């Protein structure tokens, strides 16, 4: 069972969370809410988790299909509910940017499998009411990403 420890280390809302392996991440509230911009906001960490979870899936699937992924980048943007507490993610848009000799249909299928079947973070967000839209953009191997 995963174990997380959270300790306040900066101001009122500056926290550091660590897992059982010693990996750490800094968190803070927004400056408008009394934070000091010390770290990532917890809700943004959910989007980061979505990106990481899906990236692992997509790369794994494409490797099994012998696709040459030279570089990988994702852009994730989300909109939260306005005027309510708690304010959940409503709409999330993902851009998968892949560079290399990659079949576009295989890349799209890998993204679809990740978001719709394998990524636990995506499933969690969708069960909380979020809609996740995505697109795949393939960049040729001889261009920058």
C-alpha atoms as a PDB file:
ATOM      1  CA  UNK A   1       0.000   0.000   0.000  1.00  0.00           C
ATOM      2  CA  UNK A   2       1.495   3.384  -0.977  1.00  0.00           C
ATOM      3  CA  UNK A   3       2.450   5.623   1.906  1.00  0.00           C
ATOM      4  CA  UNK A   4       2.698   9.408   1.665  1.00  0.00           C
ATOM      5  CA  UNK A   5       4.009  11.778   4.317  1.00  0.00           C
ATOM      6  CA  UNK A   6       3.241  15.505   4.200  1.00  0.00           C
ATOM      7  CA  UNK A   7       5.148  18.092   6.260  1.00  0.00           C
ATOM      8  CA  UNK A   8       4.684  21.860   6.409  1.00  0.00           C
ATOM      9  CA  UNK A   9       8.052  23.464   5.646  1.00  0.00           C
ATOM     10  CA  UNK A  10       7.348  27.008   4.386  1.00  0.00           C
ATOM     11  CA  UNK A  11       4.896  29.636   5.599  1.00  0.00           C
ATOM     12  CA  UNK A  12       1.329  28.663   6.339  1.00  0.00           C
ATOM     13  CA  UNK A  13       0.622  26.535   3.273  1.00  0.00           C
ATOM     14  CA  UNK A  14       3.999  25.404   1.924  1.00  0.00           C
ATOM     15  CA  UNK A  15       4.134  21.629   2.191  1.00  0.00           C
ATOM     16  CA  UNK A  16       6.445  18.891   1.028  1.00  0.00           C
ATOM     17  CA  UNK A  17       5.019  15.447   0.370  1.00  0.00           C
ATOM     18  CA  UNK A  18       7.204  12.363   0.075  1.00  0.00           C
ATOM     19  CA  UNK A  19       6.556   8.749  -0.797  1.00  0.00           C
ATOM     20  CA  UNK A  20       8.065   5.607   0.695  1.00  0.00           C
ATOM     21  CA  UNK A  21      10.958   5.821  -1.800  1.00  0.00           C
ATOM     22  CA  UNK A  22      11.992   9.350  -0.829  1.00  0.00           C
ATOM     23  CA  UNK A  23      10.566  11.118  -3.887  1.00  0.00           C
ATOM     24  CA  UNK A  24       9.320  14.573  -2.968  1.00  0.00           C
ATOM     25  CA  UNK A  25       7.083  17.271  -4.340  1.00  0.00           C
ATOM     26  CA  UNK A  26       6.409  20.760  -3.029  1.00  0.00           C
ATOM     27  CA  UNK A  27       2.862  22.080  -2.714  1.00  0.00           C
ATOM     28  CA  UNK A  28       1.355  25.431  -1.829  1.00  0.00           C
ATOM     29  CA  UNK A  29      -1.875  27.361  -1.968  1.00  0.00           C
ATOM     30  CA  UNK A  30      -2.259  30.171  -4.472  1.00  0.00           C
ATOM     31  CA  UNK A  31      -0.956  33.611  -3.453  1.00  0.00           C
ATOM     32  CA  UNK A  32      -4.581  34.833  -3.524  1.00  0.00           C
ATOM     33  CA  UNK A  33      -5.362  32.280  -0.800  1.00  0.00           C
ATOM     34  CA  UNK A  34      -2.365  33.076   1.385  1.00  0.00           C
ATOM     35  CA  UNK A  35       0.246  30.881  -0.279  1.00  0.00           C
ATOM     36  CA  UNK A  36       3.757  31.992  -1.215  1.00  0.00           C
ATOM     37  CA  UNK A  37       4.053  30.282  -4.615  1.00  0.00           C
ATOM     38  CA  UNK A  38       6.337  27.723  -2.940  1.00  0.00           C
ATOM     39  CA  UNK A  39       5.108  24.767  -4.977  1.00  0.00           C
ATOM     40  CA  UNK A  40       2.501  23.184  -7.201  1.00  0.00           C
ATOM     41  CA  UNK A  41      -1.171  23.550  -6.334  1.00  0.00           C
ATOM     42  CA  UNK A  42      -2.769  20.220  -5.370  1.00  0.00           C
ATOM     43  CA  UNK A  43      -5.387  20.409  -8.155  1.00  0.00           C
ATOM     44  CA  UNK A  44      -2.666  20.979 -10.765  1.00  0.00           C
ATOM     45  CA  UNK A  45      -0.950  17.874  -9.412  1.00  0.00           C
ATOM     46  CA  UNK A  46      -3.985  15.901 -10.570  1.00  0.00           C
ATOM     47  CA  UNK A  47      -3.370  17.125 -14.129  1.00  0.00           C
ATOM     48  CA  UNK A  48       0.316  16.265 -13.770  1.00  0.00           C
ATOM     49  CA  UNK A  49      -0.676  12.794 -12.587  1.00  0.00           C
ATOM     50  CA  UNK A  50      -2.945  12.411 -15.607  1.00  0.00           C
ATOM     51  CA  UNK A  51      -0.114  13.406 -17.941  1.00  0.00           C
ATOM     52  CA  UNK A  52       2.386  11.063 -16.309  1.00  0.00           C
ATOM     53  CA  UNK A  53      -0.001   8.119 -16.168  1.00  0.00           C
ATOM     54  CA  UNK A  54      -1.033   8.497 -19.784  1.00  0.00           C
ATOM     55  CA  UNK A  55       2.528   9.101 -21.001  1.00  0.00           C
ATOM     56  CA  UNK A  56       3.675   5.813 -19.479  1.00  0.00           C
ATOM     57  CA  UNK A  57       0.796   4.007 -21.196  1.00  0.00           C
ATOM     58  CA  UNK A  58       1.341   5.607 -24.608  1.00  0.00           C
ATOM     59  CA  UNK A  59       5.101   5.031 -24.658  1.00  0.00           C
ATOM     60  CA  UNK A  60       4.653   1.436 -23.485  1.00  0.00           C
ATOM     61  CA  UNK A  61       2.064   0.683 -26.168  1.00  0.00           C
ATOM     62  CA  UNK A  62       4.126   2.288 -28.941  1.00  0.00           C
ATOM     63  CA  UNK A  63       7.298   0.462 -27.856  1.00  0.00           C
ATOM     64  CA  UNK A  64       5.436  -2.851 -28.116  1.00  0.00           C
ATOM     65  CA  UNK A  65       4.416  -1.839 -31.644  1.00  0.00           C
ATOM     66  CA  UNK A  66       8.063  -1.063 -32.490  1.00  0.00           C
ATOM     67  CA  UNK A  67       7.383   2.631 -33.068  1.00  0.00           C
ATOM     68  CA  UNK A  68      10.428   4.898 -32.789  1.00  0.00           C
ATOM     69  CA  UNK A  69       9.549   7.663 -30.310  1.00  0.00           C
ATOM     70  CA  UNK A  70      12.470  10.100 -30.300  1.00  0.00           C
ATOM     71  CA  UNK A  71      10.794  12.759 -28.140  1.00  0.00           C
ATOM     72  CA  UNK A  72       7.535  13.129 -26.264  1.00  0.00           C
ATOM     73  CA  UNK A  73       5.667  16.099 -24.818  1.00  0.00           C
ATOM     74  CA  UNK A  74       2.154  16.650 -23.517  1.00  0.00           C
ATOM     75  CA  UNK A  75       0.168  19.818 -22.935  1.00  0.00           C
ATOM     76  CA  UNK A  76      -2.729  19.492 -20.502  1.00  0.00           C
ATOM     77  CA  UNK A  77      -5.255  22.282 -19.883  1.00  0.00           C
ATOM     78  CA  UNK A  78      -8.215  22.062 -17.546  1.00  0.00           C
ATOM     79  CA  UNK A  79     -11.275  24.104 -16.592  1.00  0.00           C
ATOM     80  CA  UNK A  80     -12.792  23.828 -13.147  1.00  0.00           C
ATOM     81  CA  UNK A  81     -16.352  24.424 -12.022  1.00  0.00           C
ATOM     82  CA  UNK A  82     -16.984  28.080 -11.273  1.00  0.00           C
ATOM     83  CA  UNK A  83     -18.544  29.371  -8.089  1.00  0.00           C
ATOM     84  CA  UNK A  84     -18.795  26.094  -6.172  1.00  0.00           C
ATOM     85  CA  UNK A  85     -16.807  24.349  -3.464  1.00  0.00           C
ATOM     86  CA  UNK A  86     -15.316  21.912  -4.007  1.00  0.00           C
ATOM     87  CA  UNK A  87     -14.475  23.078  -7.524  1.00  0.00           C
ATOM     88  CA  UNK A  88     -13.861  19.936  -9.595  1.00  0.00           C
ATOM     89  CA  UNK A  89     -12.231  19.587 -12.991  1.00  0.00           C
ATOM     90  CA  UNK A  90     -14.942  19.819 -15.667  1.00  0.00           C
ATOM     91  CA  UNK A  91     -13.129  19.839 -19.010  1.00  0.00           C
ATOM     92  CA  UNK A  92      -9.597  18.653 -19.641  1.00  0.00           C
ATOM     93  CA  UNK A  93      -7.834  18.883 -23.002  1.00  0.00           C
ATOM     94  CA  UNK A  94      -4.660  16.937 -23.764  1.00  0.00           C
ATOM     95  CA  UNK A  95      -2.258  17.374 -26.664  1.00  0.00           C
ATOM     96  CA  UNK A  96       0.066  14.414 -27.208  1.00  0.00           C
ATOM     97  CA  UNK A  97       3.158  15.584 -29.133  1.00  0.00           C
ATOM     98  CA  UNK A  98       5.307  12.743 -30.427  1.00  0.00           C
ATOM     99  CA  UNK A  99       8.445  13.008 -32.520  1.00  0.00           C
ATOM    100  CA  UNK A 100       9.857  10.182 -34.567  1.00  0.00           C
ATOM    101  CA  UNK A 101       9.018   7.573 -37.129  1.00  0.00           C
ATOM    102  CA  UNK A 102       5.560   6.894 -35.754  1.00  0.00           C
ATOM    103  CA  UNK A 103       2.428   5.636 -37.480  1.00  0.00           C
ATOM    104  CA  UNK A 104      -0.255   8.239 -36.690  1.00  0.00           C
ATOM    105  CA  UNK A 105      -3.042   5.669 -36.422  1.00  0.00           C
ATOM    106  CA  UNK A 106      -1.022   3.638 -33.921  1.00  0.00           C
ATOM    107  CA  UNK A 107      -0.290   6.757 -31.880  1.00  0.00           C
ATOM    108  CA  UNK A 108      -3.968   7.725 -31.836  1.00  0.00           C
ATOM    109  CA  UNK A 109      -4.945   4.214 -30.799  1.00  0.00           C
ATOM    110  CA  UNK A 110      -2.335   4.260 -28.013  1.00  0.00           C
ATOM    111  CA  UNK A 111      -3.728   7.561 -26.695  1.00  0.00           C
ATOM    112  CA  UNK A 112      -7.282   6.254 -26.908  1.00  0.00           C
ATOM    113  CA  UNK A 113      -6.388   3.065 -25.029  1.00  0.00           C
ATOM    114  CA  UNK A 114      -4.623   5.074 -22.361  1.00  0.00           C
ATOM    115  CA  UNK A 115      -7.422   7.550 -21.715  1.00  0.00           C
ATOM    116  CA  UNK A 116     -10.338   5.119 -22.131  1.00  0.00           C
ATOM    117  CA  UNK A 117      -8.918   1.907 -20.667  1.00  0.00           C
ATOM    118  CA  UNK A 118      -5.562   1.901 -18.869  1.00  0.00           C
ATOM    119  CA  UNK A 119      -4.910   5.240 -17.128  1.00  0.00           C
ATOM    120  CA  UNK A 120      -6.281   5.084 -13.580  1.00  0.00           C
ATOM    121  CA  UNK A 121      -5.941   8.850 -13.165  1.00  0.00           C
ATOM    122  CA  UNK A 122      -8.106   9.455 -16.245  1.00  0.00           C
ATOM    123  CA  UNK A 123     -10.706   7.023 -14.914  1.00  0.00           C
ATOM    124  CA  UNK A 124     -10.691   8.764 -11.520  1.00  0.00           C
ATOM    125  CA  UNK A 125     -11.160  12.202 -13.077  1.00  0.00           C
ATOM    126  CA  UNK A 126     -13.918  10.974 -15.382  1.00  0.00           C
ATOM    127  CA  UNK A 127     -15.772   9.334 -12.483  1.00  0.00           C
ATOM    128  CA  UNK A 128     -15.597  12.721 -10.740  1.00  0.00           C
ATOM    129  CA  UNK A 129     -17.394  14.237 -13.747  1.00  0.00           C
ATOM    130  CA  UNK A 130     -14.533  15.519 -15.913  1.00  0.00           C
ATOM    131  CA  UNK A 131     -14.656  15.265 -19.688  1.00  0.00           C
ATOM    132  CA  UNK A 132     -11.261  14.486 -21.218  1.00  0.00           C
ATOM    133  CA  UNK A 133     -10.628  15.457 -24.837  1.00  0.00           C
ATOM    134  CA  UNK A 134      -7.366  14.732 -26.589  1.00  0.00           C
ATOM    135  CA  UNK A 135      -5.492  14.954 -29.843  1.00  0.00           C
ATOM    136  CA  UNK A 136      -2.267  13.448 -31.159  1.00  0.00           C
ATOM    137  CA  UNK A 137       0.254  15.531 -33.078  1.00  0.00           C
ATOM    138  CA  UNK A 138       3.110  13.717 -34.824  1.00  0.00           C
ATOM    139  CA  UNK A 139       6.298  15.671 -35.495  1.00  0.00           C
ATOM    140  CA  UNK A 140       8.724  14.315 -38.102  1.00  0.00           C
ATOM    141  CA  UNK A 141      11.985  12.871 -36.818  1.00  0.00           C
ATOM    142  CA  UNK A 142      14.020  15.677 -38.424  1.00  0.00           C
ATOM    143  CA  UNK A 143      12.166  18.527 -36.651  1.00  0.00           C
ATOM    144  CA  UNK A 144      12.317  19.889 -33.124  1.00  0.00           C
ATOM    145  CA  UNK A 145       9.569  19.143 -30.655  1.00  0.00           C
END
